[in-house]
N, C-alpha and C. Protein backbone atom coordinates (compact mmCIF):
# COMPACT_ATOMS: atom_id res chain seq x y z
N MET A 1 -4.90 16.03 4.72
CA MET A 1 -5.34 14.76 4.23
C MET A 1 -4.67 13.65 5.04
N LYS A 2 -5.44 12.63 5.34
CA LYS A 2 -4.90 11.47 6.05
C LYS A 2 -4.37 10.48 5.01
N ILE A 3 -3.09 10.17 5.11
CA ILE A 3 -2.43 9.29 4.15
C ILE A 3 -1.84 8.10 4.89
N SER A 4 -2.19 6.90 4.45
CA SER A 4 -1.61 5.69 5.01
C SER A 4 -0.78 5.00 3.95
N ILE A 5 0.45 4.69 4.31
CA ILE A 5 1.37 3.97 3.43
C ILE A 5 1.55 2.59 4.03
N LEU A 6 1.10 1.57 3.30
CA LEU A 6 1.14 0.20 3.80
C LEU A 6 2.26 -0.57 3.11
N SER A 7 3.29 -0.88 3.88
CA SER A 7 4.40 -1.70 3.39
C SER A 7 3.97 -3.16 3.55
N THR A 8 3.65 -3.82 2.45
CA THR A 8 2.96 -5.11 2.52
C THR A 8 3.86 -6.34 2.41
N SER A 9 5.15 -6.17 2.61
CA SER A 9 6.03 -7.33 2.63
C SER A 9 6.06 -7.92 4.03
N PRO A 10 5.98 -9.25 4.14
CA PRO A 10 6.09 -9.88 5.46
C PRO A 10 7.54 -10.02 5.95
N ARG A 11 8.50 -9.68 5.12
CA ARG A 11 9.91 -9.83 5.50
C ARG A 11 10.35 -8.74 6.47
N LYS A 12 11.23 -9.09 7.38
CA LYS A 12 11.83 -8.12 8.29
C LYS A 12 12.78 -7.23 7.49
N ALA A 13 12.79 -5.93 7.80
CA ALA A 13 13.68 -4.96 7.15
C ALA A 13 13.63 -5.06 5.63
N SER A 14 12.43 -5.16 5.09
CA SER A 14 12.24 -5.40 3.66
C SER A 14 12.53 -4.16 2.82
N ASN A 15 12.75 -4.40 1.52
CA ASN A 15 12.87 -3.30 0.57
C ASN A 15 11.57 -2.50 0.51
N SER A 16 10.44 -3.17 0.69
CA SER A 16 9.15 -2.47 0.68
C SER A 16 9.08 -1.44 1.81
N LEU A 17 9.58 -1.79 2.97
CA LEU A 17 9.58 -0.85 4.09
C LEU A 17 10.51 0.33 3.80
N LYS A 18 11.65 0.07 3.17
CA LYS A 18 12.54 1.17 2.77
C LYS A 18 11.81 2.14 1.84
N VAL A 19 11.09 1.59 0.86
CA VAL A 19 10.36 2.43 -0.09
C VAL A 19 9.25 3.20 0.63
N ALA A 20 8.53 2.54 1.52
CA ALA A 20 7.46 3.21 2.27
C ALA A 20 8.03 4.38 3.07
N ARG A 21 9.15 4.18 3.71
CA ARG A 21 9.79 5.26 4.48
C ARG A 21 10.21 6.41 3.57
N TYR A 22 10.77 6.06 2.41
CA TYR A 22 11.19 7.10 1.48
C TYR A 22 9.98 7.90 0.98
N ILE A 23 8.91 7.21 0.63
CA ILE A 23 7.70 7.89 0.19
C ILE A 23 7.21 8.84 1.27
N SER A 24 7.19 8.37 2.50
CA SER A 24 6.74 9.20 3.62
C SER A 24 7.58 10.46 3.74
N SER A 25 8.89 10.33 3.54
CA SER A 25 9.78 11.49 3.66
C SER A 25 9.62 12.46 2.50
N GLN A 26 9.07 12.00 1.38
CA GLN A 26 8.93 12.86 0.19
C GLN A 26 7.56 13.53 0.09
N LEU A 27 6.63 13.13 0.93
CA LEU A 27 5.32 13.77 0.93
C LEU A 27 5.40 15.11 1.66
N PRO A 28 4.66 16.12 1.19
CA PRO A 28 4.63 17.39 1.91
C PRO A 28 4.05 17.15 3.31
N GLN A 29 4.74 17.62 4.34
CA GLN A 29 4.32 17.36 5.71
C GLN A 29 3.20 18.29 6.17
N ASP A 30 3.12 19.48 5.58
CA ASP A 30 2.09 20.43 6.00
C ASP A 30 0.73 20.04 5.43
N GLY A 31 -0.25 19.98 6.31
CA GLY A 31 -1.60 19.66 5.88
C GLY A 31 -1.87 18.18 5.70
N HIS A 32 -0.92 17.33 5.99
CA HIS A 32 -1.12 15.89 5.84
C HIS A 32 -0.79 15.17 7.15
N GLU A 33 -1.56 14.15 7.44
CA GLU A 33 -1.28 13.25 8.55
C GLU A 33 -0.85 11.93 7.92
N ILE A 34 0.43 11.60 8.05
CA ILE A 34 1.01 10.47 7.32
C ILE A 34 1.35 9.34 8.29
N SER A 35 0.91 8.13 7.94
CA SER A 35 1.22 6.94 8.73
C SER A 35 1.88 5.91 7.83
N VAL A 36 2.88 5.24 8.36
CA VAL A 36 3.50 4.10 7.67
C VAL A 36 3.21 2.86 8.51
N PHE A 37 2.70 1.83 7.85
CA PHE A 37 2.37 0.58 8.54
C PHE A 37 3.08 -0.56 7.83
N ASN A 38 3.61 -1.49 8.63
CA ASN A 38 4.46 -2.56 8.13
C ASN A 38 3.79 -3.92 8.35
N PHE A 39 3.81 -4.76 7.33
CA PHE A 39 3.21 -6.10 7.39
C PHE A 39 4.13 -7.17 7.98
N GLU A 40 5.29 -6.81 8.51
CA GLU A 40 6.23 -7.88 8.91
C GLU A 40 5.70 -8.76 10.04
N ASP A 41 4.72 -8.30 10.80
CA ASP A 41 4.14 -9.13 11.87
C ASP A 41 2.74 -9.63 11.51
N ILE A 42 2.45 -9.71 10.24
CA ILE A 42 1.10 -10.09 9.78
C ILE A 42 0.70 -11.45 10.35
N ASP A 43 -0.54 -11.50 10.82
CA ASP A 43 -1.05 -12.75 11.41
C ASP A 43 -2.50 -13.01 10.98
N ILE A 44 -2.84 -12.56 9.80
CA ILE A 44 -4.19 -12.79 9.30
C ILE A 44 -4.30 -14.26 8.88
N PRO A 45 -5.33 -14.97 9.37
CA PRO A 45 -5.43 -16.40 9.05
C PRO A 45 -5.67 -16.63 7.56
N MET A 46 -5.21 -17.76 7.08
CA MET A 46 -5.40 -18.09 5.67
C MET A 46 -6.86 -18.34 5.37
N ILE A 47 -7.31 -17.76 4.26
CA ILE A 47 -8.69 -17.92 3.82
C ILE A 47 -8.99 -19.41 3.65
N GLY A 48 -10.16 -19.83 4.04
CA GLY A 48 -10.53 -21.23 3.94
C GLY A 48 -10.20 -22.04 5.17
N ARG A 49 -9.33 -21.49 6.03
CA ARG A 49 -8.97 -22.19 7.27
C ARG A 49 -9.58 -21.50 8.49
N ALA A 50 -9.70 -20.19 8.39
CA ALA A 50 -10.30 -19.40 9.47
C ALA A 50 -10.69 -18.06 8.89
N SER A 51 -11.53 -17.34 9.60
CA SER A 51 -11.96 -16.02 9.17
C SER A 51 -11.61 -15.00 10.24
N LEU A 52 -11.51 -13.75 9.82
CA LEU A 52 -11.31 -12.69 10.79
C LEU A 52 -12.61 -12.48 11.55
N ASP A 53 -12.52 -12.40 12.85
CA ASP A 53 -13.67 -12.12 13.69
C ASP A 53 -13.52 -10.70 14.20
N ILE A 54 -14.38 -9.80 13.72
CA ILE A 54 -14.24 -8.38 14.04
C ILE A 54 -14.26 -8.11 15.54
N SER A 55 -14.84 -9.00 16.33
CA SER A 55 -14.89 -8.81 17.78
C SER A 55 -13.70 -9.44 18.51
N HIS A 56 -12.84 -10.15 17.78
CA HIS A 56 -11.67 -10.80 18.39
C HIS A 56 -10.42 -10.61 17.52
N LEU A 57 -10.12 -9.37 17.18
CA LEU A 57 -8.96 -9.09 16.34
C LEU A 57 -7.68 -9.09 17.17
N THR A 58 -6.60 -9.53 16.53
CA THR A 58 -5.28 -9.46 17.18
C THR A 58 -4.78 -8.02 17.16
N LEU A 59 -3.68 -7.76 17.84
CA LEU A 59 -3.11 -6.42 17.87
C LEU A 59 -2.71 -5.97 16.46
N PHE A 60 -2.08 -6.85 15.68
CA PHE A 60 -1.72 -6.50 14.31
C PHE A 60 -2.97 -6.13 13.52
N GLN A 61 -4.00 -6.94 13.58
CA GLN A 61 -5.22 -6.71 12.81
C GLN A 61 -5.89 -5.40 13.22
N LYS A 62 -5.97 -5.13 14.53
CA LYS A 62 -6.55 -3.87 15.02
C LYS A 62 -5.75 -2.68 14.52
N ASN A 63 -4.42 -2.78 14.59
CA ASN A 63 -3.56 -1.67 14.16
C ASN A 63 -3.66 -1.43 12.66
N LEU A 64 -3.73 -2.49 11.87
CA LEU A 64 -3.88 -2.35 10.43
C LEU A 64 -5.18 -1.60 10.12
N ILE A 65 -6.25 -2.02 10.72
CA ILE A 65 -7.55 -1.36 10.48
C ILE A 65 -7.52 0.08 10.98
N ALA A 66 -6.89 0.32 12.13
CA ALA A 66 -6.83 1.67 12.70
C ALA A 66 -6.04 2.64 11.81
N VAL A 67 -5.05 2.15 11.09
CA VAL A 67 -4.26 2.99 10.19
C VAL A 67 -4.98 3.16 8.85
N TRP A 68 -5.57 2.10 8.35
CA TRP A 68 -6.19 2.09 7.02
C TRP A 68 -7.55 2.79 7.00
N GLU A 69 -8.40 2.50 7.98
CA GLU A 69 -9.79 2.96 7.93
C GLU A 69 -9.96 4.47 7.82
N PRO A 70 -9.25 5.31 8.59
CA PRO A 70 -9.47 6.75 8.50
C PRO A 70 -8.77 7.42 7.31
N ALA A 71 -7.92 6.67 6.60
CA ALA A 71 -7.13 7.26 5.52
C ALA A 71 -8.01 7.69 4.36
N GLU A 72 -7.64 8.82 3.79
CA GLU A 72 -8.28 9.29 2.56
C GLU A 72 -7.50 8.82 1.33
N LEU A 73 -6.20 8.66 1.52
CA LEU A 73 -5.31 8.14 0.49
C LEU A 73 -4.56 6.96 1.08
N VAL A 74 -4.65 5.81 0.40
CA VAL A 74 -3.95 4.61 0.85
C VAL A 74 -2.96 4.23 -0.25
N ILE A 75 -1.68 4.22 0.10
CA ILE A 75 -0.63 3.83 -0.84
C ILE A 75 -0.14 2.45 -0.43
N PHE A 76 -0.36 1.48 -1.30
CA PHE A 76 0.14 0.14 -1.06
C PHE A 76 1.54 0.02 -1.67
N VAL A 77 2.51 -0.35 -0.86
CA VAL A 77 3.85 -0.64 -1.34
C VAL A 77 3.93 -2.16 -1.43
N VAL A 78 3.95 -2.65 -2.67
CA VAL A 78 3.70 -4.07 -2.97
C VAL A 78 5.00 -4.75 -3.39
N PRO A 79 5.44 -5.77 -2.65
CA PRO A 79 6.65 -6.47 -3.04
C PRO A 79 6.41 -7.40 -4.23
N GLU A 80 7.44 -7.62 -4.99
CA GLU A 80 7.37 -8.59 -6.09
C GLU A 80 8.17 -9.82 -5.71
N TYR A 81 7.49 -10.96 -5.73
CA TYR A 81 8.13 -12.25 -5.50
C TYR A 81 7.80 -13.13 -6.70
N ASN A 82 8.81 -13.50 -7.48
CA ASN A 82 8.60 -14.35 -8.65
C ASN A 82 7.47 -13.84 -9.55
N TRP A 83 7.53 -12.55 -9.87
CA TRP A 83 6.64 -11.87 -10.81
C TRP A 83 5.21 -11.69 -10.31
N THR A 84 4.97 -11.96 -9.05
CA THR A 84 3.67 -11.67 -8.46
C THR A 84 3.92 -11.09 -7.07
N THR A 85 2.93 -11.01 -6.23
CA THR A 85 3.15 -10.44 -4.90
C THR A 85 3.02 -11.51 -3.83
N SER A 86 3.11 -11.09 -2.58
CA SER A 86 3.08 -12.04 -1.47
C SER A 86 1.69 -12.63 -1.27
N GLY A 87 1.67 -13.88 -0.89
CA GLY A 87 0.41 -14.54 -0.55
C GLY A 87 -0.26 -13.87 0.64
N GLU A 88 0.54 -13.32 1.54
CA GLU A 88 -0.01 -12.65 2.72
C GLU A 88 -0.88 -11.46 2.34
N LEU A 89 -0.43 -10.68 1.34
CA LEU A 89 -1.21 -9.52 0.91
C LEU A 89 -2.50 -9.96 0.23
N ILE A 90 -2.42 -10.92 -0.66
CA ILE A 90 -3.62 -11.41 -1.35
C ILE A 90 -4.60 -11.98 -0.32
N ASN A 91 -4.10 -12.74 0.63
CA ASN A 91 -4.95 -13.30 1.68
C ASN A 91 -5.60 -12.20 2.51
N ALA A 92 -4.84 -11.16 2.86
CA ALA A 92 -5.40 -10.04 3.63
C ALA A 92 -6.55 -9.39 2.87
N MET A 93 -6.38 -9.21 1.57
CA MET A 93 -7.45 -8.62 0.76
C MET A 93 -8.70 -9.50 0.77
N HIS A 94 -8.51 -10.81 0.65
CA HIS A 94 -9.65 -11.72 0.68
C HIS A 94 -10.35 -11.67 2.04
N GLN A 95 -9.59 -11.67 3.11
CA GLN A 95 -10.18 -11.66 4.45
C GLN A 95 -10.87 -10.33 4.77
N LEU A 96 -10.28 -9.21 4.32
CA LEU A 96 -10.83 -7.89 4.62
C LEU A 96 -11.89 -7.45 3.60
N GLY A 97 -12.05 -8.21 2.55
CA GLY A 97 -13.03 -7.87 1.52
C GLY A 97 -14.42 -8.35 1.86
N GLU A 98 -14.82 -8.18 3.08
CA GLU A 98 -16.14 -8.58 3.57
C GLU A 98 -16.92 -7.36 4.02
N LYS A 99 -18.23 -7.48 4.10
CA LYS A 99 -19.11 -6.34 4.42
C LYS A 99 -18.72 -5.65 5.73
N GLU A 100 -18.32 -6.40 6.75
CA GLU A 100 -18.00 -5.76 8.03
C GLU A 100 -16.75 -4.90 7.97
N TYR A 101 -15.96 -5.04 6.91
CA TYR A 101 -14.75 -4.23 6.73
C TYR A 101 -14.87 -3.29 5.53
N ALA A 102 -16.07 -3.09 5.04
CA ALA A 102 -16.28 -2.27 3.83
C ALA A 102 -15.73 -0.86 3.97
N SER A 103 -15.69 -0.34 5.19
CA SER A 103 -15.17 1.03 5.39
C SER A 103 -13.71 1.15 4.97
N LEU A 104 -12.99 0.05 4.91
CA LEU A 104 -11.59 0.09 4.47
C LEU A 104 -11.48 0.43 2.98
N PHE A 105 -12.56 0.22 2.25
CA PHE A 105 -12.56 0.42 0.81
C PHE A 105 -13.45 1.56 0.36
N ASP A 106 -14.03 2.30 1.30
CA ASP A 106 -14.99 3.34 0.97
C ASP A 106 -14.40 4.74 1.10
N ASN A 107 -14.69 5.57 0.09
CA ASN A 107 -14.30 6.98 0.06
C ASN A 107 -12.79 7.17 0.19
N LYS A 108 -12.07 6.44 -0.61
CA LYS A 108 -10.61 6.49 -0.59
C LYS A 108 -10.05 6.58 -2.00
N VAL A 109 -8.83 7.04 -2.07
CA VAL A 109 -8.03 6.91 -3.28
C VAL A 109 -6.94 5.89 -2.96
N PHE A 110 -6.80 4.89 -3.83
CA PHE A 110 -5.78 3.87 -3.67
C PHE A 110 -4.70 4.06 -4.73
N ALA A 111 -3.45 3.93 -4.32
CA ALA A 111 -2.32 4.03 -5.25
C ALA A 111 -1.35 2.90 -4.94
N PHE A 112 -0.53 2.53 -5.94
CA PHE A 112 0.31 1.35 -5.82
C PHE A 112 1.74 1.61 -6.27
N VAL A 113 2.67 1.09 -5.46
CA VAL A 113 4.09 1.13 -5.77
C VAL A 113 4.58 -0.31 -5.74
N GLY A 114 5.20 -0.75 -6.83
CA GLY A 114 5.77 -2.09 -6.89
C GLY A 114 7.23 -2.06 -6.55
N VAL A 115 7.67 -3.02 -5.75
CA VAL A 115 9.05 -3.04 -5.26
C VAL A 115 9.75 -4.29 -5.77
N SER A 116 10.90 -4.08 -6.40
CA SER A 116 11.66 -5.18 -6.96
C SER A 116 13.14 -5.02 -6.64
N SER A 117 13.82 -6.14 -6.48
CA SER A 117 15.27 -6.08 -6.34
C SER A 117 15.92 -6.01 -7.72
N GLY A 118 15.13 -6.31 -8.75
CA GLY A 118 15.60 -6.23 -10.14
C GLY A 118 14.87 -5.14 -10.89
N ARG A 119 14.35 -5.51 -12.07
CA ARG A 119 13.67 -4.52 -12.93
C ARG A 119 12.18 -4.83 -13.04
N GLY A 120 11.52 -5.12 -11.94
CA GLY A 120 10.10 -5.46 -11.96
C GLY A 120 9.28 -4.52 -11.10
N GLY A 121 8.09 -5.00 -10.74
CA GLY A 121 7.22 -4.26 -9.86
C GLY A 121 5.87 -3.90 -10.44
N ARG A 122 5.76 -3.86 -11.76
CA ARG A 122 4.50 -3.45 -12.39
C ARG A 122 3.41 -4.51 -12.21
N ARG A 123 3.72 -5.75 -12.49
CA ARG A 123 2.69 -6.78 -12.47
C ARG A 123 2.02 -6.94 -11.10
N PRO A 124 2.76 -6.97 -9.98
CA PRO A 124 2.08 -7.06 -8.69
C PRO A 124 1.13 -5.89 -8.44
N CYS A 125 1.52 -4.69 -8.86
CA CYS A 125 0.64 -3.51 -8.70
C CYS A 125 -0.64 -3.68 -9.49
N ILE A 126 -0.51 -4.14 -10.71
CA ILE A 126 -1.69 -4.33 -11.56
C ILE A 126 -2.61 -5.38 -10.95
N GLU A 127 -2.04 -6.49 -10.48
CA GLU A 127 -2.85 -7.56 -9.90
C GLU A 127 -3.57 -7.10 -8.64
N VAL A 128 -2.86 -6.40 -7.75
CA VAL A 128 -3.49 -5.93 -6.51
C VAL A 128 -4.49 -4.82 -6.83
N GLY A 129 -4.18 -3.97 -7.80
CA GLY A 129 -5.11 -2.94 -8.22
C GLY A 129 -6.41 -3.52 -8.75
N LEU A 130 -6.32 -4.60 -9.54
CA LEU A 130 -7.52 -5.27 -10.03
C LEU A 130 -8.35 -5.83 -8.87
N LEU A 131 -7.67 -6.40 -7.88
CA LEU A 131 -8.36 -6.95 -6.72
C LEU A 131 -9.06 -5.85 -5.93
N VAL A 132 -8.38 -4.72 -5.71
CA VAL A 132 -8.99 -3.60 -4.99
C VAL A 132 -10.19 -3.07 -5.78
N ASN A 133 -10.06 -2.92 -7.09
CA ASN A 133 -11.19 -2.49 -7.91
C ASN A 133 -12.38 -3.44 -7.76
N LYS A 134 -12.11 -4.73 -7.78
CA LYS A 134 -13.18 -5.72 -7.64
C LYS A 134 -13.85 -5.60 -6.27
N LEU A 135 -13.06 -5.39 -5.21
CA LEU A 135 -13.62 -5.26 -3.87
C LEU A 135 -14.47 -3.99 -3.74
N ILE A 136 -14.03 -2.91 -4.35
CA ILE A 136 -14.83 -1.67 -4.35
C ILE A 136 -16.19 -1.95 -4.99
N SER A 137 -16.18 -2.65 -6.10
CA SER A 137 -17.43 -2.99 -6.80
C SER A 137 -18.27 -3.96 -5.97
N PHE A 138 -17.67 -5.03 -5.50
CA PHE A 138 -18.39 -6.05 -4.73
C PHE A 138 -19.02 -5.47 -3.47
N LEU A 139 -18.28 -4.62 -2.78
CA LEU A 139 -18.79 -4.03 -1.53
C LEU A 139 -19.73 -2.86 -1.77
N ASN A 140 -19.87 -2.47 -3.04
CA ASN A 140 -20.77 -1.38 -3.43
C ASN A 140 -20.44 -0.09 -2.69
N VAL A 141 -19.15 0.23 -2.66
CA VAL A 141 -18.67 1.46 -2.03
C VAL A 141 -18.11 2.38 -3.11
N HIS A 142 -17.71 3.57 -2.71
CA HIS A 142 -17.24 4.56 -3.66
C HIS A 142 -15.79 4.93 -3.36
N SER A 143 -14.91 4.54 -4.22
CA SER A 143 -13.49 4.87 -4.13
C SER A 143 -12.93 4.87 -5.54
N VAL A 144 -11.66 5.24 -5.65
CA VAL A 144 -11.02 5.26 -6.96
C VAL A 144 -9.59 4.70 -6.81
N VAL A 145 -9.18 4.00 -7.85
CA VAL A 145 -7.81 3.49 -7.93
C VAL A 145 -7.06 4.38 -8.91
N SER A 146 -6.00 4.99 -8.44
CA SER A 146 -5.20 5.86 -9.30
C SER A 146 -4.51 5.03 -10.38
N PRO A 147 -4.53 5.50 -11.63
CA PRO A 147 -3.92 4.72 -12.71
C PRO A 147 -2.39 4.80 -12.74
N LYS A 148 -1.80 5.78 -12.07
CA LYS A 148 -0.34 5.92 -12.14
C LYS A 148 0.33 5.04 -11.09
N LEU A 149 1.24 4.20 -11.56
CA LEU A 149 2.02 3.32 -10.68
C LEU A 149 3.46 3.83 -10.61
N PHE A 150 4.16 3.39 -9.58
CA PHE A 150 5.61 3.60 -9.56
C PHE A 150 6.26 2.24 -9.37
N GLU A 151 7.27 1.97 -10.17
CA GLU A 151 8.03 0.73 -10.05
C GLU A 151 9.39 1.05 -9.45
N SER A 152 9.62 0.55 -8.24
CA SER A 152 10.90 0.75 -7.57
C SER A 152 11.85 -0.34 -8.03
N HIS A 153 12.60 -0.03 -9.10
CA HIS A 153 13.57 -0.98 -9.65
C HIS A 153 14.85 -0.96 -8.82
N GLU A 154 15.49 -2.12 -8.74
CA GLU A 154 16.80 -2.23 -8.09
C GLU A 154 16.81 -1.41 -6.80
N THR A 155 15.85 -1.69 -5.96
CA THR A 155 15.58 -0.88 -4.78
C THR A 155 16.81 -0.73 -3.88
N ALA A 156 17.53 -1.79 -3.64
CA ALA A 156 18.70 -1.72 -2.75
C ALA A 156 19.81 -0.83 -3.32
N ARG A 157 19.83 -0.64 -4.62
CA ARG A 157 20.82 0.26 -5.24
C ARG A 157 20.40 1.73 -5.12
N ASN A 158 19.10 1.96 -4.89
CA ASN A 158 18.57 3.32 -4.87
C ASN A 158 18.26 3.86 -3.48
N LEU A 159 18.00 2.96 -2.52
CA LEU A 159 17.69 3.38 -1.16
C LEU A 159 18.57 2.64 -0.16
N ASP A 160 18.98 3.35 0.89
CA ASP A 160 19.79 2.69 1.91
C ASP A 160 18.88 2.00 2.93
N GLU A 161 19.49 1.42 3.96
CA GLU A 161 18.73 0.64 4.95
C GLU A 161 17.65 1.45 5.66
N GLY A 162 17.87 2.74 5.82
CA GLY A 162 16.90 3.60 6.49
C GLY A 162 15.82 4.15 5.58
N GLY A 163 15.92 3.86 4.29
CA GLY A 163 14.94 4.38 3.35
C GLY A 163 15.32 5.74 2.80
N TYR A 164 16.59 6.07 2.83
CA TYR A 164 17.07 7.34 2.28
C TYR A 164 17.65 7.11 0.89
N SER A 165 17.45 8.07 0.03
CA SER A 165 17.94 7.96 -1.35
C SER A 165 19.47 7.93 -1.38
N LYS A 166 19.98 7.14 -2.30
CA LYS A 166 21.43 7.09 -2.54
C LYS A 166 21.83 8.06 -3.64
N GLY A 167 20.87 8.87 -4.13
CA GLY A 167 21.21 9.93 -5.06
C GLY A 167 20.91 9.69 -6.52
N ASN A 168 20.16 8.65 -6.87
CA ASN A 168 19.80 8.41 -8.26
C ASN A 168 18.70 9.41 -8.65
N ALA A 169 19.04 10.38 -9.47
CA ALA A 169 18.12 11.46 -9.84
C ALA A 169 16.89 10.93 -10.58
N ILE A 170 17.06 9.89 -11.39
CA ILE A 170 15.93 9.33 -12.14
C ILE A 170 14.94 8.68 -11.18
N TYR A 171 15.45 7.93 -10.21
CA TYR A 171 14.60 7.30 -9.20
C TYR A 171 13.85 8.37 -8.40
N GLU A 172 14.57 9.37 -7.94
CA GLU A 172 13.96 10.45 -7.15
C GLU A 172 12.87 11.17 -7.95
N LYS A 173 13.12 11.44 -9.22
CA LYS A 173 12.12 12.11 -10.06
C LYS A 173 10.89 11.22 -10.27
N GLY A 174 11.13 9.92 -10.44
CA GLY A 174 10.01 9.00 -10.61
C GLY A 174 9.07 8.99 -9.42
N ILE A 175 9.64 8.95 -8.21
CA ILE A 175 8.82 9.00 -6.99
C ILE A 175 8.12 10.35 -6.89
N ALA A 176 8.84 11.43 -7.17
CA ALA A 176 8.25 12.77 -7.09
C ALA A 176 7.07 12.90 -8.05
N ASP A 177 7.23 12.43 -9.28
CA ASP A 177 6.14 12.49 -10.26
C ASP A 177 4.94 11.65 -9.82
N PHE A 178 5.22 10.45 -9.31
CA PHE A 178 4.15 9.57 -8.81
C PHE A 178 3.38 10.24 -7.68
N LEU A 179 4.09 10.82 -6.73
CA LEU A 179 3.43 11.44 -5.58
C LEU A 179 2.65 12.68 -5.99
N LYS A 180 3.20 13.49 -6.89
CA LYS A 180 2.48 14.68 -7.36
C LYS A 180 1.16 14.28 -8.01
N TYR A 181 1.22 13.30 -8.90
CA TYR A 181 0.02 12.82 -9.59
C TYR A 181 -0.99 12.24 -8.59
N THR A 182 -0.50 11.40 -7.69
CA THR A 182 -1.36 10.74 -6.72
C THR A 182 -2.05 11.75 -5.81
N LEU A 183 -1.32 12.75 -5.35
CA LEU A 183 -1.92 13.78 -4.49
C LEU A 183 -2.96 14.60 -5.26
N GLU A 184 -2.70 14.86 -6.54
CA GLU A 184 -3.68 15.60 -7.35
C GLU A 184 -4.97 14.79 -7.50
N ILE A 185 -4.86 13.50 -7.75
CA ILE A 185 -6.05 12.64 -7.85
C ILE A 185 -6.80 12.65 -6.52
N ALA A 186 -6.08 12.51 -5.42
CA ALA A 186 -6.72 12.48 -4.10
C ALA A 186 -7.42 13.79 -3.78
N LYS A 187 -6.78 14.91 -4.12
CA LYS A 187 -7.41 16.21 -3.86
C LYS A 187 -8.69 16.37 -4.70
N LYS A 188 -8.64 15.94 -5.95
CA LYS A 188 -9.83 16.02 -6.80
C LYS A 188 -10.95 15.13 -6.27
N TRP A 189 -10.60 13.93 -5.85
CA TRP A 189 -11.59 12.99 -5.35
C TRP A 189 -12.26 13.51 -4.07
N HIS A 190 -11.46 14.09 -3.19
CA HIS A 190 -11.98 14.50 -1.88
C HIS A 190 -12.46 15.95 -1.84
N SER A 191 -12.42 16.65 -2.98
CA SER A 191 -12.90 18.06 -2.96
C SER A 191 -14.40 18.14 -3.13
């Protein structure tokens, strides 16, 4: 299965990237092609000011599409900023939610991980999940949003700079349960 993990924080060396790396390391490597993509160099123009031109994409935009489009399972690692997510991610969804990019939302399973430095993460996942569901409907494509979320609480206390666990058994079990469920949904969807 082709799995893309999108770390959607625009910050350099973000907690979201640590979580994305950890998720990648916890997925079974056999039988899966796993990619991690980072939003830290995002350059998608703001909606209402400019539009993405499919024939003139930047390197970041081309790479994002190249990682996302072939994926059967897309895991969004969503940062929490003041109880919501980044404007860059919401803007990317608005810009890519057009007919010429419909393949990004077709025949996929989407899953969400919320990243917080405190005890949050759920609300950004729910908001982005609602937006993805709306885009699937609007674009008239066939995909599914997995109902199970993972909230990465106190991320810096649980993962080191490289995205390795610091040994919190509850955190590790939470990610393991999320990934097991998510992979089961993806296998059912794609069988």
